[in-house]
Amino acid sequence: MLCLLFCEIPTKMDMIAAAYGCESDEEESSDPWASSRVSAKRTAVFNEFPNRPLKKVACRLPAPKLALDSFEVVDDPSQHGNRVRSFPHERGNWASFVYLPWEANSRFVRAVELITNWFYEHGIKLDICDDFHISLTRTVILRHHWIEGFVASIRNQLSDAPRPFQLYGTNVLSVYINEEKTRTFLAINVEDPVGILDILVEKMDSCLKEYQLPAYYEKPSHHVSIAWCVGDQKEELDKLALDLQLETDQISCNVDEIRCKIGNTVKRL
């Protein structure tokens, strides 16, 4: 008996398809994130037809780092003077506030150094603030898609605000603690001869209300924070502040711009 062995004979179209590296849609869609590779089918054809060009295989870009890393940000207070983040980090949320920059001339810096040294001699180590300013709002959280509208609203409110104007530092110290009671601040009170600060705070409160954000304090005490320490040390600083007699000349500051800090970005208004 004669046995016939039937073998599958590739058609011309099959050979062309194999030579140009065509694969079925099912294979390609089954693993959309797989690394670029040359299939076994293409390898066999290459061995048989070494001079025939293969179809170029596009290199897949690596997955973005953000997709690989966890979105969770772990706060490390040791990286920033043991300060504790007031707001938990959340993607799309930006800690923001509006303020007036206070020019730190040599007389002001000298006064700050004398004050902090005096507290150090009495057992309280204070860190001098990175920048000196007068806050016009609390620190609030802005959603990313609010930022453009919020800044435009502030600019509109400030369009008729008189500038420049002059403020004065007094010889009176005040002590403040943040709402989380994680930091205590030592500040110099500010004298405002024309009452411009209350007007600006009212304008900023109007902007905050549009976004249902908390207004500034009901009876704000305008001040320039000059130094801080970790934790709730208000009672200790209050006692020492009463004993300290400042005999510095009155320090003035000309203010000609208002700023809004959003995350690490500062917008001049």
Protein backbone atom coordinates (compact mmCIF):
# COMPACT_ATOMS: atom_id res chain seq x y z
CA MET A 1 0.00 0.00 0.00
CA LEU A 2 1.30 3.30 -0.97
CA CYS A 3 1.11 5.94 1.76
CA LEU A 4 1.01 9.56 0.72
CA LEU A 5 2.38 12.22 3.06
CA PHE A 6 0.63 15.54 2.54
CA CYS A 7 2.71 18.62 3.43
CA GLU A 8 1.40 22.17 3.49
CA ILE A 9 2.97 23.93 0.53
CA PRO A 10 3.21 27.69 1.10
CA THR A 11 1.58 29.80 -1.52
CA LYS A 12 3.32 32.71 -3.17
CA MET A 13 1.29 35.19 -1.08
CA ASP A 14 2.31 33.40 2.12
CA MET A 15 5.98 33.72 1.22
CA ILE A 16 5.59 37.42 0.42
CA ALA A 17 3.74 38.06 3.66
CA ALA A 18 6.39 36.18 5.64
CA ALA A 19 9.22 37.98 3.90
CA TYR A 20 7.79 41.39 4.84
CA GLY A 21 7.17 40.41 8.44
CA CYS A 22 3.37 40.56 8.49
CA GLU A 23 1.76 39.18 11.62
CA SER A 24 -1.85 38.61 12.44
CA ASP A 25 -3.88 41.39 14.06
CA GLU A 26 -4.73 39.05 16.90
CA GLU A 27 -1.07 38.58 17.88
CA GLU A 28 -0.31 42.28 17.76
CA SER A 29 -3.33 43.32 19.80
CA SER A 30 -2.92 40.60 22.38
CA ASP A 31 0.17 42.22 23.88
CA PRO A 32 0.15 45.97 23.10
CA TRP A 33 2.92 46.78 25.62
CA ALA A 34 5.29 43.98 24.60
CA SER A 35 8.86 44.94 23.73
CA SER A 36 9.83 45.16 20.06
CA ARG A 37 10.84 41.79 18.72
CA VAL A 38 11.35 39.83 15.51
CA SER A 39 9.03 36.87 15.33
CA ALA A 40 10.18 33.29 14.72
CA LYS A 41 8.39 33.45 11.36
CA ARG A 42 10.51 36.41 10.27
CA THR A 43 13.71 34.78 11.54
CA ALA A 44 13.10 31.65 9.47
CA VAL A 45 12.46 33.66 6.34
CA PHE A 46 15.59 35.72 6.92
CA ASN A 47 17.66 32.55 7.10
CA GLU A 48 16.13 31.31 3.85
CA PHE A 49 16.29 34.62 2.02
CA PRO A 50 19.24 36.49 3.57
CA ASN A 51 19.34 39.16 0.84
CA ARG A 52 15.68 40.08 1.10
CA PRO A 53 15.05 43.19 3.27
CA LEU A 54 12.89 42.78 6.32
CA LYS A 55 10.17 45.23 7.27
CA LYS A 56 11.46 47.85 9.69
CA VAL A 57 10.23 47.26 13.20
CA ALA A 58 9.42 50.48 15.03
CA CYS A 59 11.16 50.73 18.38
CA ARG A 60 8.69 51.08 21.21
CA LEU A 61 9.40 53.95 23.54
CA PRO A 62 9.85 52.98 27.18
CA ALA A 63 6.91 53.61 29.43
CA PRO A 64 7.05 57.11 30.97
CA LYS A 65 8.78 57.28 34.32
CA LEU A 66 5.60 58.66 35.89
CA ALA A 67 3.79 55.52 34.83
CA LEU A 68 6.42 53.31 36.39
CA ASP A 69 6.88 55.14 39.65
CA SER A 70 4.35 55.35 42.40
CA PHE A 71 2.40 58.62 42.49
CA GLU A 72 2.73 58.71 46.26
CA VAL A 73 5.16 61.33 47.51
CA VAL A 74 6.76 60.53 50.83
CA ASP A 75 7.52 63.66 52.82
CA ASP A 76 10.96 63.71 54.42
CA PRO A 77 11.18 66.57 56.95
CA SER A 78 14.92 66.04 57.34
CA GLN A 79 15.36 67.39 53.81
CA HIS A 80 13.91 70.80 54.72
CA GLY A 81 14.81 71.70 58.27
CA ASN A 82 12.40 69.21 59.91
CA ARG A 83 9.44 71.21 58.62
CA VAL A 84 6.25 69.19 58.20
CA ARG A 85 4.12 69.61 55.09
CA SER A 86 0.92 71.50 55.96
CA PHE A 87 -1.02 69.85 53.13
CA PRO A 88 -0.63 66.26 51.94
CA HIS A 89 0.84 66.08 48.45
CA GLU A 90 -1.80 65.34 45.86
CA ARG A 91 -1.29 65.48 42.12
CA GLY A 92 -3.10 68.45 40.60
CA ASN A 93 -3.27 70.39 43.89
CA TRP A 94 -1.06 73.43 44.43
CA ALA A 95 -0.40 75.19 47.74
CA SER A 96 -0.78 78.90 46.99
CA PHE A 97 -0.89 82.29 48.67
CA VAL A 98 -0.76 86.01 47.82
CA TYR A 99 1.78 88.29 49.50
CA LEU A 100 3.80 91.49 49.42
CA PRO A 101 7.59 91.08 49.23
CA TRP A 102 9.48 92.92 51.99
CA GLU A 103 12.82 94.32 50.89
CA ALA A 104 15.48 93.10 53.31
CA ASN A 105 17.99 95.94 53.33
CA SER A 106 21.13 95.82 55.46
CA ARG A 107 19.49 97.56 58.45
CA PHE A 108 16.62 95.09 58.46
CA VAL A 109 18.93 92.07 58.18
CA ARG A 110 21.08 93.42 61.03
CA ALA A 111 17.99 93.83 63.23
CA VAL A 112 16.88 90.26 62.49
CA GLU A 113 20.33 88.91 63.38
CA LEU A 114 20.35 90.79 66.70
CA ILE A 115 16.88 89.48 67.59
CA THR A 116 17.58 85.84 66.73
CA ASN A 117 20.92 85.93 68.56
CA TRP A 118 19.19 87.26 71.67
CA PHE A 119 16.68 84.38 71.61
CA TYR A 120 19.51 81.90 71.06
CA GLU A 121 21.28 83.21 74.16
CA HIS A 122 18.07 82.53 76.08
CA GLY A 123 17.74 78.92 74.93
CA ILE A 124 15.63 79.19 71.75
CA LYS A 125 17.29 78.45 68.40
CA LEU A 126 15.46 80.17 65.55
CA ASP A 127 15.98 79.73 61.81
CA ILE A 128 15.84 82.95 59.82
CA CYS A 129 13.11 82.88 57.16
CA ASP A 130 14.17 82.29 53.56
CA ASP A 131 12.25 85.31 52.33
CA PHE A 132 10.51 88.19 54.09
CA HIS A 133 6.97 89.07 53.13
CA ILE A 134 3.55 90.22 54.31
CA SER A 135 0.80 87.68 53.64
CA LEU A 136 -2.49 88.85 52.14
CA THR A 137 -4.14 85.40 52.14
CA ARG A 138 -3.82 82.13 53.98
CA THR A 139 -2.10 79.29 52.20
CA VAL A 140 -4.87 77.64 50.18
CA ILE A 141 -5.08 74.75 47.75
CA LEU A 142 -5.68 75.55 44.08
CA ARG A 143 -6.71 72.90 41.59
CA HIS A 144 -4.61 73.02 38.45
CA HIS A 145 -7.51 74.07 36.22
CA TRP A 146 -8.31 76.99 38.57
CA ILE A 147 -4.91 78.67 38.36
CA GLU A 148 -5.37 80.72 35.20
CA GLY A 149 -8.78 82.04 36.27
CA PHE A 150 -7.65 82.70 39.84
CA VAL A 151 -4.64 84.77 38.73
CA ALA A 152 -6.81 86.70 36.25
CA SER A 153 -9.30 87.45 39.04
CA ILE A 154 -6.52 88.78 41.30
CA ARG A 155 -5.16 91.01 38.54
CA ASN A 156 -8.63 92.38 37.92
CA GLN A 157 -9.10 93.18 41.62
CA LEU A 158 -5.71 94.91 41.80
CA SER A 159 -6.21 97.03 38.69
CA ASP A 160 -7.20 100.08 40.76
CA ALA A 161 -4.92 99.46 43.77
CA PRO A 162 -2.51 102.36 44.35
CA ARG A 163 1.16 101.51 43.92
CA PRO A 164 3.81 102.03 45.12
CA PHE A 165 3.09 102.58 48.81
CA GLN A 166 5.18 102.63 51.96
CA LEU A 167 5.04 100.41 55.05
CA TYR A 168 7.04 100.57 58.27
CA GLY A 169 8.49 97.95 60.57
CA THR A 170 7.85 98.61 64.27
CA ASN A 171 9.75 97.68 67.41
CA VAL A 172 6.95 95.32 68.45
CA LEU A 173 7.42 91.55 68.13
CA SER A 174 4.58 89.06 67.77
CA VAL A 175 4.53 85.26 67.92
CA TYR A 176 2.34 83.11 65.66
CA ILE A 177 1.78 79.40 65.25
CA ASN A 178 0.46 77.67 62.16
CA GLU A 179 -2.90 75.90 62.23
CA GLU A 180 -1.28 72.46 62.37
CA LYS A 181 0.87 73.58 65.36
CA THR A 182 3.97 72.26 63.63
CA ARG A 183 5.86 75.58 63.44
CA THR A 184 6.12 78.74 65.54
CA PHE A 185 7.00 82.09 63.95
CA LEU A 186 8.56 85.24 65.33
CA ALA A 187 7.45 88.37 63.50
CA ILE A 188 7.89 92.14 63.41
CA ASN A 189 4.63 94.06 63.38
CA VAL A 190 4.00 96.38 60.44
CA GLU A 191 2.65 99.92 60.56
CA ASP A 192 0.34 100.83 57.65
CA PRO A 193 -0.31 104.60 57.67
CA VAL A 194 -2.95 104.66 54.90
CA GLY A 195 -4.67 101.36 55.62
CA ILE A 196 -3.80 99.84 52.23
CA LEU A 197 -3.22 96.35 53.65
CA ASP A 198 -6.82 95.95 54.85
CA ILE A 199 -8.03 97.05 51.40
CA LEU A 200 -5.82 94.49 49.66
CA VAL A 201 -6.92 91.71 52.02
CA GLU A 202 -10.56 92.53 51.26
CA LYS A 203 -9.87 92.33 47.53
CA MET A 204 -8.11 88.98 47.92
CA ASP A 205 -10.97 87.63 50.04
CA SER A 206 -13.30 88.45 47.16
CA CYS A 207 -11.16 86.34 44.79
CA LEU A 208 -11.01 83.45 47.27
CA LYS A 209 -14.78 83.50 47.67
CA GLU A 210 -15.22 82.82 43.94
CA TYR A 211 -13.48 79.47 44.47
CA GLN A 212 -15.04 78.74 47.87
CA LEU A 213 -11.64 79.04 49.54
CA PRO A 214 -11.18 80.30 53.11
CA ALA A 215 -10.81 84.06 53.58
CA TYR A 216 -8.00 85.68 55.52
CA TYR A 217 -8.28 86.12 59.28
CA GLU A 218 -11.18 88.31 60.44
CA LYS A 219 -8.94 90.84 62.22
CA PRO A 220 -5.54 90.39 60.64
CA SER A 221 -2.42 91.55 62.43
CA HIS A 222 -0.10 92.55 59.62
CA HIS A 223 3.45 91.45 60.16
CA VAL A 224 6.69 90.24 58.61
CA SER A 225 7.75 86.81 59.84
CA ILE A 226 11.50 86.89 60.43
CA ALA A 227 12.31 83.51 62.03
CA TRP A 228 10.77 80.18 62.96
CA CYS A 229 11.26 77.00 64.98
CA VAL A 230 9.73 73.54 64.83
CA GLY A 231 6.74 72.66 66.99
CA ASP A 232 4.51 74.69 69.30
CA GLN A 233 6.83 77.00 71.25
CA LYS A 234 4.52 80.01 71.31
CA GLU A 235 4.39 80.28 75.10
CA GLU A 236 8.18 80.31 75.45
CA LEU A 237 8.66 82.84 72.65
CA ASP A 238 5.90 85.10 73.99
CA LYS A 239 7.62 85.32 77.38
CA LEU A 240 11.00 86.15 75.86
CA ALA A 241 9.51 88.66 73.42
CA LEU A 242 8.05 90.65 76.33
CA ASP A 243 11.51 90.95 77.89
CA LEU A 244 13.23 92.04 74.71
CA GLN A 245 13.48 95.81 74.33
CA LEU A 246 14.14 96.71 70.70
CA GLU A 247 15.99 99.92 70.16
CA THR A 248 16.35 99.86 66.41
CA ASP A 249 15.53 102.76 64.11
CA GLN A 250 12.22 102.51 62.29
CA ILE A 251 12.64 100.54 59.07
CA SER A 252 10.55 101.39 56.04
CA CYS A 253 9.78 99.39 52.90
CA ASN A 254 8.51 100.64 49.55
CA VAL A 255 6.10 98.13 47.99
CA ASP A 256 5.48 98.31 44.26
CA GLU A 257 4.33 94.81 43.40
CA ILE A 258 2.12 92.02 44.68
CA ARG A 259 2.97 88.37 44.14
CA CYS A 260 1.19 85.04 44.11
CA LYS A 261 3.14 81.88 44.84
CA ILE A 262 1.64 78.72 43.34
CA GLY A 263 3.71 75.65 44.18
CA ASN A 264 7.25 76.75 43.33
CA THR A 265 6.11 79.30 40.74
CA VAL A 266 5.89 83.01 41.60
CA LYS A 267 3.61 85.24 39.55
CA ARG A 268 4.10 89.01 39.72
CA LEU A 269 0.77 90.81 39.70
